Amino acid sequence: MITRLLCIGILALFSSITYADADLLKKPEVQQFIDDLVTHQHFKRDTLESVFLDVKPMPEVVHHMKHPAEAFPWDAYQRIFVTPRRIEKGAAFAITHNIALNQD
């Protein structure tokens, strides 16, 4: 969960980065982000700085963030997300959580 939160934050903060930046930790917005995580989420500063030193660009992730599938017309969206496996998983979830799903 912590790793996921950190990755989401990094991606959101640096979605325009297309190359590794050796001076990433010197950027004010990075320091502010780290300060917020240390203060509000109780992360360790040295751990966060170590993670930021290893940040590598992922242009395909940036592309998907800028062009989400939700912008597709329904037929394209359906081909990607409505699959037999997902339908089975959804039905199983509905059965398992039937009581919670039917509460008002």
Protein backbone atom coordinates (compact mmCIF):
# COMPACT_ATOMS: atom_id res chain seq x y z
CA MET A 1 0.00 0.00 0.00
CA ILE A 2 2.78 2.43 0.90
CA THR A 3 4.66 1.62 -2.29
CA ARG A 4 1.50 2.12 -4.34
CA LEU A 5 0.84 5.50 -2.69
CA LEU A 6 4.40 6.58 -3.30
CA CYS A 7 4.33 5.49 -6.95
CA ILE A 8 1.04 7.28 -7.58
CA GLY A 9 2.43 10.42 -6.04
CA ILE A 10 5.61 10.25 -8.03
CA LEU A 11 3.72 9.66 -11.27
CA ALA A 12 1.30 12.47 -10.58
CA LEU A 13 4.04 14.87 -9.61
CA PHE A 14 6.42 14.04 -12.44
CA SER A 15 4.20 12.94 -15.31
CA SER A 16 6.08 15.27 -17.65
CA ILE A 17 9.56 13.85 -16.92
CA THR A 18 10.93 12.00 -19.92
CA TYR A 19 14.48 11.39 -18.73
CA ALA A 20 16.33 10.56 -15.53
CA ASP A 21 17.15 13.73 -13.63
CA ALA A 22 20.21 13.53 -11.40
CA ASP A 23 19.10 16.71 -9.65
CA LEU A 24 15.58 15.49 -8.94
CA LEU A 25 16.01 15.82 -5.17
CA LYS A 26 16.99 19.47 -5.56
CA LYS A 27 13.66 20.40 -7.13
CA PRO A 28 11.41 22.38 -4.75
CA GLU A 29 8.29 20.40 -5.71
CA VAL A 30 10.08 17.14 -4.90
CA GLN A 31 11.23 18.46 -1.54
CA GLN A 32 7.68 19.65 -0.78
CA PHE A 33 6.29 16.25 -1.72
CA ILE A 34 8.83 14.49 0.50
CA ASP A 35 8.13 16.93 3.35
CA ASP A 36 4.41 16.20 3.08
CA LEU A 37 4.95 12.44 3.15
CA VAL A 38 7.30 12.69 6.13
CA THR A 39 4.97 15.02 8.04
CA HIS A 40 1.57 13.57 7.21
CA GLN A 41 2.21 9.93 6.31
CA HIS A 42 5.18 9.27 8.65
CA PHE A 43 7.56 8.13 5.93
CA LYS A 44 11.29 8.19 6.63
CA ARG A 45 13.03 10.98 4.75
CA ASP A 46 16.14 8.91 3.91
CA THR A 47 13.95 6.14 2.47
CA LEU A 48 12.07 8.59 0.25
CA GLU A 49 15.25 10.25 -0.93
CA SER A 50 16.67 6.83 -1.78
CA VAL A 51 13.56 6.04 -3.82
CA PHE A 52 13.78 9.35 -5.69
CA LEU A 53 17.41 8.66 -6.56
CA ASP A 54 16.21 5.52 -8.38
CA VAL A 55 13.35 7.16 -10.29
CA LYS A 56 13.38 5.96 -13.88
CA PRO A 57 11.22 7.34 -16.67
CA MET A 58 8.23 5.31 -17.82
CA PRO A 59 6.89 7.08 -20.91
CA GLU A 60 4.24 4.40 -21.46
CA VAL A 61 2.74 5.13 -18.03
CA VAL A 62 2.71 8.84 -18.76
CA HIS A 63 1.01 8.12 -22.09
CA HIS A 64 -1.71 6.05 -20.41
CA MET A 65 -2.27 8.73 -17.78
CA LYS A 66 -2.68 11.38 -20.47
CA HIS A 67 -4.86 9.14 -22.67
CA PRO A 68 -7.07 7.13 -20.30
CA ALA A 69 -9.25 4.37 -21.68
CA GLU A 70 -12.29 6.17 -20.30
CA ALA A 71 -11.97 8.62 -23.19
CA PHE A 72 -12.60 5.80 -25.69
CA PRO A 73 -16.03 5.19 -27.21
CA TRP A 74 -17.96 2.39 -25.49
CA ASP A 75 -17.13 -0.33 -28.03
CA ALA A 76 -13.37 0.24 -27.66
CA TYR A 77 -13.66 0.47 -23.87
CA GLN A 78 -15.73 -2.71 -23.77
CA ARG A 79 -13.15 -4.72 -25.75
CA ILE A 80 -10.44 -3.73 -23.27
CA PHE A 81 -12.24 -4.08 -19.97
CA VAL A 82 -15.32 -6.29 -20.35
CA THR A 83 -13.79 -9.73 -20.68
CA PRO A 84 -15.03 -13.17 -19.63
CA ARG A 85 -12.48 -13.27 -16.80
CA ARG A 86 -13.56 -9.89 -15.44
CA ILE A 87 -17.22 -10.89 -15.68
CA GLU A 88 -16.50 -14.06 -13.68
CA LYS A 89 -14.55 -12.09 -11.07
CA GLY A 90 -17.32 -9.51 -10.82
CA ALA A 91 -19.99 -12.17 -10.37
CA ALA A 92 -17.92 -13.90 -7.69
CA PHE A 93 -17.42 -10.57 -5.91
CA ALA A 94 -21.16 -9.85 -6.03
CA ILE A 95 -21.95 -13.25 -4.53
CA THR A 96 -19.31 -12.93 -1.81
CA HIS A 97 -20.39 -9.41 -0.85
CA ASN A 98 -24.12 -9.77 -1.52
CA ILE A 99 -25.25 -8.47 1.88
CA ALA A 100 -23.06 -5.35 1.77
CA LEU A 101 -24.03 -4.58 -1.82
CA ASN A 102 -27.75 -4.77 -1.05
CA GLN A 103 -27.72 -2.43 1.94
CA ASP A 104 -29.47 0.91 1.55
